[in-house]
Amino acid sequence: MGKHRRPGPPNQPSRAVPRVDADDPLAAYDKRRRPPMDQYRRHRPVHGGAGHLRPDEPRVLEEWDDFAYAVVGTAPTLTAAQEWVNELQIGDDSAA
């Protein structure tokens, strides 16, 4: 019960890092190929700064290419960028 103890119930595993399959010889490699926090698409303001400020400014759209985020386009506003990010998630759910 030290001061650096992970918050939450002690009987639940941490959700910060996905589990790795011990039987898969390429599991460590596959783990490094996943995007941070399993976020395959993201958007950033063109001129930097916080993402929630100035919603009318253009955004850079980035997609994970199994190694790093690559720029794939731009969006005119924050709303359009958020729709683009959520488009992939909705498409994945309907395909399952």
PDB file of N, CA and C in Angstrom:
ATOM      1  N   MET A   1       0.832  -1.190   0.000  1.00  0.00           N
ATOM      2  CA  MET A   1       0.000   0.000   0.000  1.00  0.00           C
ATOM      3  C   MET A   1       0.879   1.258   0.000  1.00  0.00           C
ATOM      4  N   GLY A   2       1.940   1.239  -0.783  1.00  0.00           N
ATOM      5  CA  GLY A   2       2.821   2.393  -0.869  1.00  0.00           C
ATOM      6  C   GLY A   2       2.169   3.540  -1.611  1.00  0.00           C
ATOM      7  N   LYS A   3       2.854   4.653  -1.651  1.00  0.00           N
ATOM      8  CA  LYS A   3       2.244   5.823  -2.277  1.00  0.00           C
ATOM      9  C   LYS A   3       2.225   5.734  -3.807  1.00  0.00           C
ATOM     10  N   HIS A   4       2.969   4.777  -4.404  1.00  0.00           N
ATOM     11  CA  HIS A   4       2.976   4.625  -5.849  1.00  0.00           C
ATOM     12  C   HIS A   4       2.112   3.463  -6.306  1.00  0.00           C
ATOM     13  N   ARG A   5       1.218   3.031  -5.469  1.00  0.00           N
ATOM     14  CA  ARG A   5       0.346   1.913  -5.804  1.00  0.00           C
ATOM     15  C   ARG A   5      -0.613   2.305  -6.920  1.00  0.00           C
ATOM     16  N   ARG A   6      -0.870   1.379  -7.855  1.00  0.00           N
ATOM     17  CA  ARG A   6      -1.800   1.625  -8.948  1.00  0.00           C
ATOM     18  C   ARG A   6      -3.209   1.801  -8.396  1.00  0.00           C
ATOM     19  N   PRO A   7      -3.925   2.862  -8.813  1.00  0.00           N
ATOM     20  CA  PRO A   7      -5.290   3.037  -8.331  1.00  0.00           C
ATOM     21  C   PRO A   7      -6.225   1.991  -8.929  1.00  0.00           C
ATOM     22  N   GLY A   8      -7.262   1.703  -8.234  1.00  0.00           N
ATOM     23  CA  GLY A   8      -8.249   0.747  -8.713  1.00  0.00           C
ATOM     24  C   GLY A   8      -8.236  -0.523  -7.896  1.00  0.00           C
ATOM     25  N   PRO A   9      -9.179  -1.416  -8.175  1.00  0.00           N
ATOM     26  CA  PRO A   9      -9.272  -2.669  -7.427  1.00  0.00           C
ATOM     27  C   PRO A   9      -8.022  -3.527  -7.625  1.00  0.00           C
ATOM     28  N   PRO A  10      -7.521  -4.155  -6.583  1.00  0.00           N
ATOM     29  CA  PRO A  10      -6.301  -4.945  -6.703  1.00  0.00           C
ATOM     30  C   PRO A  10      -6.485  -6.246  -7.486  1.00  0.00           C
ATOM     31  N   ASN A  11      -7.726  -6.684  -7.685  1.00  0.00           N
ATOM     32  CA  ASN A  11      -7.966  -7.944  -8.386  1.00  0.00           C
ATOM     33  C   ASN A  11      -8.161  -7.772  -9.889  1.00  0.00           C
ATOM     34  N   GLN A  12      -7.958  -6.560 -10.433  1.00  0.00           N
ATOM     35  CA  GLN A  12      -8.115  -6.316 -11.862  1.00  0.00           C
ATOM     36  C   GLN A  12      -6.771  -5.928 -12.470  1.00  0.00           C
ATOM     37  N   PRO A  13      -6.473  -6.447 -13.672  1.00  0.00           N
ATOM     38  CA  PRO A  13      -5.215  -6.082 -14.320  1.00  0.00           C
ATOM     39  C   PRO A  13      -5.246  -4.647 -14.818  1.00  0.00           C
ATOM     40  N   SER A  14      -4.088  -4.093 -15.035  1.00  0.00           N
ATOM     41  CA  SER A  14      -3.994  -2.734 -15.556  1.00  0.00           C
ATOM     42  C   SER A  14      -4.521  -2.690 -16.984  1.00  0.00           C
ATOM     43  N   ARG A  15      -5.237  -1.625 -17.338  1.00  0.00           N
ATOM     44  CA  ARG A  15      -5.766  -1.478 -18.687  1.00  0.00           C
ATOM     45  C   ARG A  15      -4.865  -0.603 -19.548  1.00  0.00           C
ATOM     46  N   ALA A  16      -3.768  -0.108 -18.981  1.00  0.00           N
ATOM     47  CA  ALA A  16      -2.904   0.810 -19.710  1.00  0.00           C
ATOM     48  C   ALA A  16      -2.144   0.114 -20.830  1.00  0.00           C
ATOM     49  N   VAL A  17      -1.756  -1.142 -20.659  1.00  0.00           N
ATOM     50  CA  VAL A  17      -0.975  -1.871 -21.653  1.00  0.00           C
ATOM     51  C   VAL A  17      -1.723  -3.141 -22.032  1.00  0.00           C
ATOM     52  N   PRO A  18      -1.976  -3.356 -23.329  1.00  0.00           N
ATOM     53  CA  PRO A  18      -2.674  -4.576 -23.734  1.00  0.00           C
ATOM     54  C   PRO A  18      -1.854  -5.824 -23.402  1.00  0.00           C
ATOM     55  N   ARG A  19      -2.527  -6.922 -23.213  1.00  0.00           N
ATOM     56  CA  ARG A  19      -1.875  -8.194 -22.890  1.00  0.00           C
ATOM     57  C   ARG A  19      -1.112  -8.738 -24.096  1.00  0.00           C
ATOM     58  N   VAL A  20      -0.076  -9.530 -23.823  1.00  0.00           N
ATOM     59  CA  VAL A  20       0.723 -10.161 -24.861  1.00  0.00           C
ATOM     60  C   VAL A  20       0.536 -11.668 -24.745  1.00  0.00           C
ATOM     61  N   ASP A  21       0.291 -12.339 -25.876  1.00  0.00           N
ATOM     62  CA  ASP A  21       0.104 -13.786 -25.903  1.00  0.00           C
ATOM     63  C   ASP A  21       1.455 -14.466 -25.737  1.00  0.00           C
ATOM     64  N   ALA A  22       1.634 -15.239 -24.681  1.00  0.00           N
ATOM     65  CA  ALA A  22       2.906 -15.890 -24.381  1.00  0.00           C
ATOM     66  C   ALA A  22       3.227 -17.007 -25.368  1.00  0.00           C
ATOM     67  N   ASP A  23       2.229 -17.596 -26.019  1.00  0.00           N
ATOM     68  CA  ASP A  23       2.452 -18.696 -26.951  1.00  0.00           C
ATOM     69  C   ASP A  23       2.847 -18.225 -28.352  1.00  0.00           C
ATOM     70  N   ASP A  24       2.653 -16.972 -28.645  1.00  0.00           N
ATOM     71  CA  ASP A  24       2.954 -16.436 -29.967  1.00  0.00           C
ATOM     72  C   ASP A  24       4.406 -15.955 -30.001  1.00  0.00           C
ATOM     73  N   PRO A  25       5.260 -16.512 -30.878  1.00  0.00           N
ATOM     74  CA  PRO A  25       6.661 -16.093 -30.903  1.00  0.00           C
ATOM     75  C   PRO A  25       6.854 -14.661 -31.400  1.00  0.00           C
ATOM     76  N   LEU A  26       5.877 -14.121 -32.121  1.00  0.00           N
ATOM     77  CA  LEU A  26       5.988 -12.754 -32.625  1.00  0.00           C
ATOM     78  C   LEU A  26       5.189 -11.750 -31.799  1.00  0.00           C
ATOM     79  N   ALA A  27       4.775 -12.138 -30.614  1.00  0.00           N
ATOM     80  CA  ALA A  27       3.917 -11.277 -29.796  1.00  0.00           C
ATOM     81  C   ALA A  27       4.608  -9.965 -29.431  1.00  0.00           C
ATOM     82  N   ALA A  28       5.875 -10.019 -29.063  1.00  0.00           N
ATOM     83  CA  ALA A  28       6.579  -8.790 -28.688  1.00  0.00           C
ATOM     84  C   ALA A  28       6.707  -7.853 -29.897  1.00  0.00           C
ATOM     85  N   TYR A  29       6.952  -8.421 -31.067  1.00  0.00           N
ATOM     86  CA  TYR A  29       7.040  -7.627 -32.289  1.00  0.00           C
ATOM     87  C   TYR A  29       5.694  -6.984 -32.606  1.00  0.00           C
ATOM     88  N   ASP A  30       4.624  -7.769 -32.534  1.00  0.00           N
ATOM     89  CA  ASP A  30       3.290  -7.249 -32.810  1.00  0.00           C
ATOM     90  C   ASP A  30       2.899  -6.155 -31.827  1.00  0.00           C
ATOM     91  N   LYS A  31       3.317  -6.308 -30.590  1.00  0.00           N
ATOM     92  CA  LYS A  31       3.000  -5.306 -29.572  1.00  0.00           C
ATOM     93  C   LYS A  31       3.643  -3.964 -29.922  1.00  0.00           C
ATOM     94  N   ARG A  32       4.865  -4.001 -30.444  1.00  0.00           N
ATOM     95  CA  ARG A  32       5.540  -2.757 -30.822  1.00  0.00           C
ATOM     96  C   ARG A  32       4.921  -2.136 -32.063  1.00  0.00           C
ATOM     97  N   ARG A  33       4.230  -2.922 -32.875  1.00  0.00           N
ATOM     98  CA  ARG A  33       3.626  -2.410 -34.092  1.00  0.00           C
ATOM     99  C   ARG A  33       2.259  -1.771 -33.858  1.00  0.00           C
ATOM    100  N   ARG A  34       1.679  -1.962 -32.691  1.00  0.00           N
ATOM    101  CA  ARG A  34       0.375  -1.353 -32.393  1.00  0.00           C
ATOM    102  C   ARG A  34       0.554   0.132 -32.130  1.00  0.00           C
ATOM    103  N   PRO A  35      -0.430   0.930 -32.517  1.00  0.00           N
ATOM    104  CA  PRO A  35      -0.335   2.364 -32.242  1.00  0.00           C
ATOM    105  C   PRO A  35      -0.476   2.643 -30.751  1.00  0.00           C
ATOM    106  N   PRO A  36       0.046   3.763 -30.295  1.00  0.00           N
ATOM    107  CA  PRO A  36      -0.111   4.120 -28.886  1.00  0.00           C
ATOM    108  C   PRO A  36      -1.587   4.179 -28.504  1.00  0.00           C
ATOM    109  N   MET A  37      -1.924   3.529 -27.420  1.00  0.00           N
ATOM    110  CA  MET A  37      -3.291   3.490 -26.896  1.00  0.00           C
ATOM    111  C   MET A  37      -4.289   2.956 -27.926  1.00  0.00           C
ATOM    112  N   ASP A  38      -3.827   2.143 -28.867  1.00  0.00           N
ATOM    113  CA  ASP A  38      -4.665   1.536 -29.910  1.00  0.00           C
ATOM    114  C   ASP A  38      -5.516   2.563 -30.653  1.00  0.00           C
ATOM    115  N   GLN A  39      -4.936   3.714 -30.928  1.00  0.00           N
ATOM    116  CA  GLN A  39      -5.617   4.780 -31.659  1.00  0.00           C
ATOM    117  C   GLN A  39      -5.034   4.815 -33.072  1.00  0.00           C
ATOM    118  N   TYR A  40      -5.790   4.309 -34.060  1.00  0.00           N
ATOM    119  CA  TYR A  40      -5.291   4.198 -35.426  1.00  0.00           C
ATOM    120  C   TYR A  40      -5.389   5.497 -36.219  1.00  0.00           C
ATOM    121  N   ARG A  41      -6.296   6.353 -35.850  1.00  0.00           N
ATOM    122  CA  ARG A  41      -6.446   7.650 -36.514  1.00  0.00           C
ATOM    123  C   ARG A  41      -6.438   8.755 -35.470  1.00  0.00           C
ATOM    124  N   ARG A  42      -5.839   9.890 -35.835  1.00  0.00           N
ATOM    125  CA  ARG A  42      -5.862  11.042 -34.931  1.00  0.00           C
ATOM    126  C   ARG A  42      -5.802  12.315 -35.759  1.00  0.00           C
ATOM    127  N   HIS A  43      -6.103  13.437 -35.119  1.00  0.00           N
ATOM    128  CA  HIS A  43      -6.028  14.735 -35.788  1.00  0.00           C
ATOM    129  C   HIS A  43      -5.279  15.696 -34.883  1.00  0.00           C
ATOM    130  N   ARG A  44      -4.568  16.624 -35.508  1.00  0.00           N
ATOM    131  CA  ARG A  44      -3.786  17.635 -34.800  1.00  0.00           C
ATOM    132  C   ARG A  44      -4.052  18.997 -35.440  1.00  0.00           C
ATOM    133  N   PRO A  45      -4.053  20.070 -34.642  1.00  0.00           N
ATOM    134  CA  PRO A  45      -4.192  21.405 -35.228  1.00  0.00           C
ATOM    135  C   PRO A  45      -3.007  21.709 -36.150  1.00  0.00           C
ATOM    136  N   VAL A  46      -3.266  22.374 -37.267  1.00  0.00           N
ATOM    137  CA  VAL A  46      -2.210  22.691 -38.230  1.00  0.00           C
ATOM    138  C   VAL A  46      -1.138  23.565 -37.602  1.00  0.00           C
ATOM    139  N   HIS A  47      -1.526  24.535 -36.820  1.00  0.00           N
ATOM    140  CA  HIS A  47      -0.579  25.482 -36.243  1.00  0.00           C
ATOM    141  C   HIS A  47      -0.175  25.122 -34.819  1.00  0.00           C
ATOM    142  N   GLY A  48      -0.426  23.891 -34.386  1.00  0.00           N
ATOM    143  CA  GLY A  48      -0.045  23.459 -33.044  1.00  0.00           C
ATOM    144  C   GLY A  48      -1.028  23.953 -31.995  1.00  0.00           C
ATOM    145  N   GLY A  49      -0.704  23.681 -30.761  1.00  0.00           N
ATOM    146  CA  GLY A  49      -1.558  24.088 -29.662  1.00  0.00           C
ATOM    147  C   GLY A  49      -2.500  22.972 -29.243  1.00  0.00           C
ATOM    148  N   ALA A  50      -3.394  23.292 -28.353  1.00  0.00           N
ATOM    149  CA  ALA A  50      -4.342  22.320 -27.825  1.00  0.00           C
ATOM    150  C   ALA A  50      -5.389  21.971 -28.881  1.00  0.00           C
ATOM    151  N   GLY A  51      -5.774  20.701 -28.942  1.00  0.00           N
ATOM    152  CA  GLY A  51      -6.701  20.232 -29.960  1.00  0.00           C
ATOM    153  C   GLY A  51      -8.114  20.746 -29.811  1.00  0.00           C
ATOM    154  N   HIS A  52      -8.513  21.115 -28.598  1.00  0.00           N
ATOM    155  CA  HIS A  52      -9.899  21.539 -28.389  1.00  0.00           C
ATOM    156  C   HIS A  52     -10.088  23.046 -28.572  1.00  0.00           C
ATOM    157  N   LEU A  53      -9.000  23.795 -28.668  1.00  0.00           N
ATOM    158  CA  LEU A  53      -9.103  25.238 -28.844  1.00  0.00           C
ATOM    159  C   LEU A  53      -9.218  25.588 -30.325  1.00  0.00           C
ATOM    160  N   ARG A  54      -9.836  26.706 -30.623  1.00  0.00           N
ATOM    161  CA  ARG A  54     -10.012  27.205 -31.985  1.00  0.00           C
ATOM    162  C   ARG A  54     -10.589  26.133 -32.916  1.00  0.00           C
ATOM    163  N   PRO A  55     -11.842  25.714 -32.682  1.00  0.00           N
ATOM    164  CA  PRO A  55     -12.441  24.628 -33.473  1.00  0.00           C
ATOM    165  C   PRO A  55     -12.643  24.960 -34.949  1.00  0.00           C
ATOM    166  N   ASP A  56     -12.530  26.220 -35.349  1.00  0.00           N
ATOM    167  CA  ASP A  56     -12.743  26.580 -36.749  1.00  0.00           C
ATOM    168  C   ASP A  56     -11.471  26.531 -37.580  1.00  0.00           C
ATOM    169  N   GLU A  57     -10.326  26.215 -36.959  1.00  0.00           N
ATOM    170  CA  GLU A  57      -9.073  26.142 -37.707  1.00  0.00           C
ATOM    171  C   GLU A  57      -8.892  24.750 -38.323  1.00  0.00           C
ATOM    172  N   PRO A  58      -8.113  24.641 -39.407  1.00  0.00           N
ATOM    173  CA  PRO A  58      -7.906  23.349 -40.060  1.00  0.00           C
ATOM    174  C   PRO A  58      -7.102  22.373 -39.201  1.00  0.00           C
ATOM    175  N   ARG A  59      -7.274  21.092 -39.485  1.00  0.00           N
ATOM    176  CA  ARG A  59      -6.603  20.012 -38.746  1.00  0.00           C
ATOM    177  C   ARG A  59      -5.846  19.110 -39.716  1.00  0.00           C
ATOM    178  N   VAL A  60      -4.733  18.579 -39.245  1.00  0.00           N
ATOM    179  CA  VAL A  60      -3.976  17.583 -39.995  1.00  0.00           C
ATOM    180  C   VAL A  60      -4.497  16.215 -39.578  1.00  0.00           C
ATOM    181  N   LEU A  61      -4.829  15.371 -40.545  1.00  0.00           N
ATOM    182  CA  LEU A  61      -5.331  14.028 -40.272  1.00  0.00           C
ATOM    183  C   LEU A  61      -4.172  13.038 -40.399  1.00  0.00           C
ATOM    184  N   GLU A  62      -3.984  12.207 -39.378  1.00  0.00           N
ATOM    185  CA  GLU A  62      -2.884  11.249 -39.358  1.00  0.00           C
ATOM    186  C   GLU A  62      -3.432   9.845 -39.135  1.00  0.00           C
ATOM    187  N   GLU A  63      -2.800   8.877 -39.801  1.00  0.00           N
ATOM    188  CA  GLU A  63      -3.213   7.482 -39.689  1.00  0.00           C
ATOM    189  C   GLU A  63      -1.987   6.621 -39.386  1.00  0.00           C
ATOM    190  N   TRP A  64      -2.168   5.608 -38.539  1.00  0.00           N
ATOM    191  CA  TRP A  64      -1.088   4.713 -38.147  1.00  0.00           C
ATOM    192  C   TRP A  64      -0.765   3.764 -39.299  1.00  0.00           C
ATOM    193  N   ASP A  65       0.530   3.638 -39.673  1.00  0.00           N
ATOM    194  CA  ASP A  65       0.929   2.769 -40.786  1.00  0.00           C
ATOM    195  C   ASP A  65       1.806   1.601 -40.314  1.00  0.00           C
ATOM    196  N   ASP A  66       1.569   1.112 -39.123  1.00  0.00           N
ATOM    197  CA  ASP A  66       2.299   0.008 -38.497  1.00  0.00           C
ATOM    198  C   ASP A  66       3.713   0.378 -38.062  1.00  0.00           C
ATOM    199  N   PHE A  67       4.074   1.642 -38.186  1.00  0.00           N
ATOM    200  CA  PHE A  67       5.383   2.076 -37.708  1.00  0.00           C
ATOM    201  C   PHE A  67       5.304   3.446 -37.046  1.00  0.00           C
ATOM    202  N   ALA A  68       4.594   4.375 -37.677  1.00  0.00           N
ATOM    203  CA  ALA A  68       4.447   5.731 -37.157  1.00  0.00           C
ATOM    204  C   ALA A  68       3.170   6.329 -37.741  1.00  0.00           C
ATOM    205  N   TYR A  69       2.805   7.506 -37.238  1.00  0.00           N
ATOM    206  CA  TYR A  69       1.652   8.202 -37.795  1.00  0.00           C
ATOM    207  C   TYR A  69       2.079   8.909 -39.084  1.00  0.00           C
ATOM    208  N   ALA A  70       1.289   8.741 -40.144  1.00  0.00           N
ATOM    209  CA  ALA A  70       1.562   9.371 -41.431  1.00  0.00           C
ATOM    210  C   ALA A  70       0.421  10.322 -41.763  1.00  0.00           C
ATOM    211  N   VAL A  71       0.753  11.472 -42.320  1.00  0.00           N
ATOM    212  CA  VAL A  71      -0.254  12.457 -42.707  1.00  0.00           C
ATOM    213  C   VAL A  71      -0.995  11.938 -43.939  1.00  0.00           C
ATOM    214  N   VAL A  72      -2.331  11.932 -43.856  1.00  0.00           N
ATOM    215  CA  VAL A  72      -3.146  11.449 -44.972  1.00  0.00           C
ATOM    216  C   VAL A  72      -4.076  12.518 -45.525  1.00  0.00           C
ATOM    217  N   GLY A  73      -4.123  13.682 -44.894  1.00  0.00           N
ATOM    218  CA  GLY A  73      -4.989  14.733 -45.406  1.00  0.00           C
ATOM    219  C   GLY A  73      -5.202  15.831 -44.383  1.00  0.00           C
ATOM    220  N   THR A  74      -6.157  16.686 -44.690  1.00  0.00           N
ATOM    221  CA  THR A  74      -6.524  17.773 -43.786  1.00  0.00           C
ATOM    222  C   THR A  74      -8.038  17.842 -43.672  1.00  0.00           C
ATOM    223  N   ALA A  75      -8.479  18.476 -42.613  1.00  0.00           N
ATOM    224  CA  ALA A  75      -9.910  18.713 -42.397  1.00  0.00           C
ATOM    225  C   ALA A  75     -10.087  20.202 -42.112  1.00  0.00           C
ATOM    226  N   PRO A  76     -11.162  20.806 -42.612  1.00  0.00           N
ATOM    227  CA  PRO A  76     -11.335  22.247 -42.440  1.00  0.00           C
ATOM    228  C   PRO A  76     -11.653  22.678 -41.006  1.00  0.00           C
ATOM    229  N   THR A  77     -12.292  21.790 -40.222  1.00  0.00           N
ATOM    230  CA  THR A  77     -12.690  22.158 -38.860  1.00  0.00           C
ATOM    231  C   THR A  77     -12.481  20.983 -37.909  1.00  0.00           C
ATOM    232  N   LEU A  78     -12.619  21.258 -36.630  1.00  0.00           N
ATOM    233  CA  LEU A  78     -12.513  20.220 -35.607  1.00  0.00           C
ATOM    234  C   LEU A  78     -13.618  19.184 -35.773  1.00  0.00           C
ATOM    235  N   THR A  79     -14.823  19.613 -36.080  1.00  0.00           N
ATOM    236  CA  THR A  79     -15.947  18.688 -36.241  1.00  0.00           C
ATOM    237  C   THR A  79     -15.701  17.702 -37.380  1.00  0.00           C
ATOM    238  N   ALA A  80     -15.207  18.197 -38.500  1.00  0.00           N
ATOM    239  CA  ALA A  80     -14.917  17.319 -39.637  1.00  0.00           C
ATOM    240  C   ALA A  80     -13.808  16.332 -39.285  1.00  0.00           C
ATOM    241  N   ALA A  81     -12.801  16.778 -38.544  1.00  0.00           N
ATOM    242  CA  ALA A  81     -11.708  15.895 -38.145  1.00  0.00           C
ATOM    243  C   ALA A  81     -12.205  14.807 -37.198  1.00  0.00           C
ATOM    244  N   GLN A  82     -13.080  15.160 -36.269  1.00  0.00           N
ATOM    245  CA  GLN A  82     -13.626  14.168 -35.346  1.00  0.00           C
ATOM    246  C   GLN A  82     -14.494  13.150 -36.082  1.00  0.00           C
ATOM    247  N   GLU A  83     -15.239  13.581 -37.071  1.00  0.00           N
ATOM    248  CA  GLU A  83     -16.043  12.648 -37.876  1.00  0.00           C
ATOM    249  C   GLU A  83     -15.138  11.674 -38.611  1.00  0.00           C
ATOM    250  N   TRP A  84     -14.013  12.162 -39.149  1.00  0.00           N
ATOM    251  CA  TRP A  84     -13.075  11.287 -39.857  1.00  0.00           C
ATOM    252  C   TRP A  84     -12.466  10.254 -38.913  1.00  0.00           C
ATOM    253  N   VAL A  85     -12.095  10.664 -37.709  1.00  0.00           N
ATOM    254  CA  VAL A  85     -11.517   9.741 -36.730  1.00  0.00           C
ATOM    255  C   VAL A  85     -12.537   8.673 -36.349  1.00  0.00           C
ATOM    256  N   ASN A  86     -13.778   9.056 -36.110  1.00  0.00           N
ATOM    257  CA  ASN A  86     -14.815   8.118 -35.689  1.00  0.00           C
ATOM    258  C   ASN A  86     -15.339   7.254 -36.831  1.00  0.00           C
ATOM    259  N   GLU A  87     -15.117   7.661 -38.077  1.00  0.00           N
ATOM    260  CA  GLU A  87     -15.572   6.897 -39.232  1.00  0.00           C
ATOM    261  C   GLU A  87     -14.979   5.495 -39.242  1.00  0.00           C
ATOM    262  N   LEU A  88     -13.711   5.352 -38.930  1.00  0.00           N
ATOM    263  CA  LEU A  88     -13.049   4.047 -38.913  1.00  0.00           C
ATOM    264  C   LEU A  88     -13.617   3.172 -37.807  1.00  0.00           C
ATOM    265  N   GLN A  89     -13.852   3.726 -36.637  1.00  0.00           N
ATOM    266  CA  GLN A  89     -14.360   2.957 -35.515  1.00  0.00           C
ATOM    267  C   GLN A  89     -15.767   2.428 -35.798  1.00  0.00           C
ATOM    268  N   ILE A  90     -16.605   3.234 -36.402  1.00  0.00           N
ATOM    269  CA  ILE A  90     -17.972   2.818 -36.712  1.00  0.00           C
ATOM    270  C   ILE A  90     -17.931   1.734 -37.787  1.00  0.00           C
ATOM    271  N   GLY A  91     -17.093   1.883 -38.787  1.00  0.00           N
ATOM    272  CA  GLY A  91     -16.968   0.893 -39.850  1.00  0.00           C
ATOM    273  C   GLY A  91     -16.498  -0.449 -39.319  1.00  0.00           C
ATOM    274  N   ASP A  92     -15.575  -0.458 -38.348  1.00  0.00           N
ATOM    275  CA  ASP A  92     -15.081  -1.698 -37.777  1.00  0.00           C
ATOM    276  C   ASP A  92     -16.173  -2.439 -37.017  1.00  0.00           C
ATOM    277  N   ASP A  93     -16.998  -1.692 -36.277  1.00  0.00           N
ATOM    278  CA  ASP A  93     -18.060  -2.316 -35.484  1.00  0.00           C
ATOM    279  C   ASP A  93     -19.117  -2.969 -36.382  1.00  0.00           C
ATOM    280  N   SER A  94     -19.442  -2.349 -37.510  1.00  0.00           N
ATOM    281  CA  SER A  94     -20.481  -2.894 -38.367  1.00  0.00           C
ATOM    282  C   SER A  94     -19.985  -4.109 -39.148  1.00  0.00           C
ATOM    283  N   ALA A  95     -18.657  -4.209 -39.355  1.00  0.00           N
ATOM    284  CA  ALA A  95     -18.103  -5.346 -40.098  1.00  0.00           C
ATOM    285  C   ALA A  95     -18.013  -6.594 -39.243  1.00  0.00           C
ATOM    286  N   ALA A  96     -18.009  -6.456 -37.929  1.00  0.00           N
ATOM    287  CA  ALA A  96     -17.851  -7.608 -37.046  1.00  0.00           C
ATOM    288  C   ALA A  96     -19.097  -8.416 -36.902  1.00  0.00           C
TER     289      ALA A  96
END
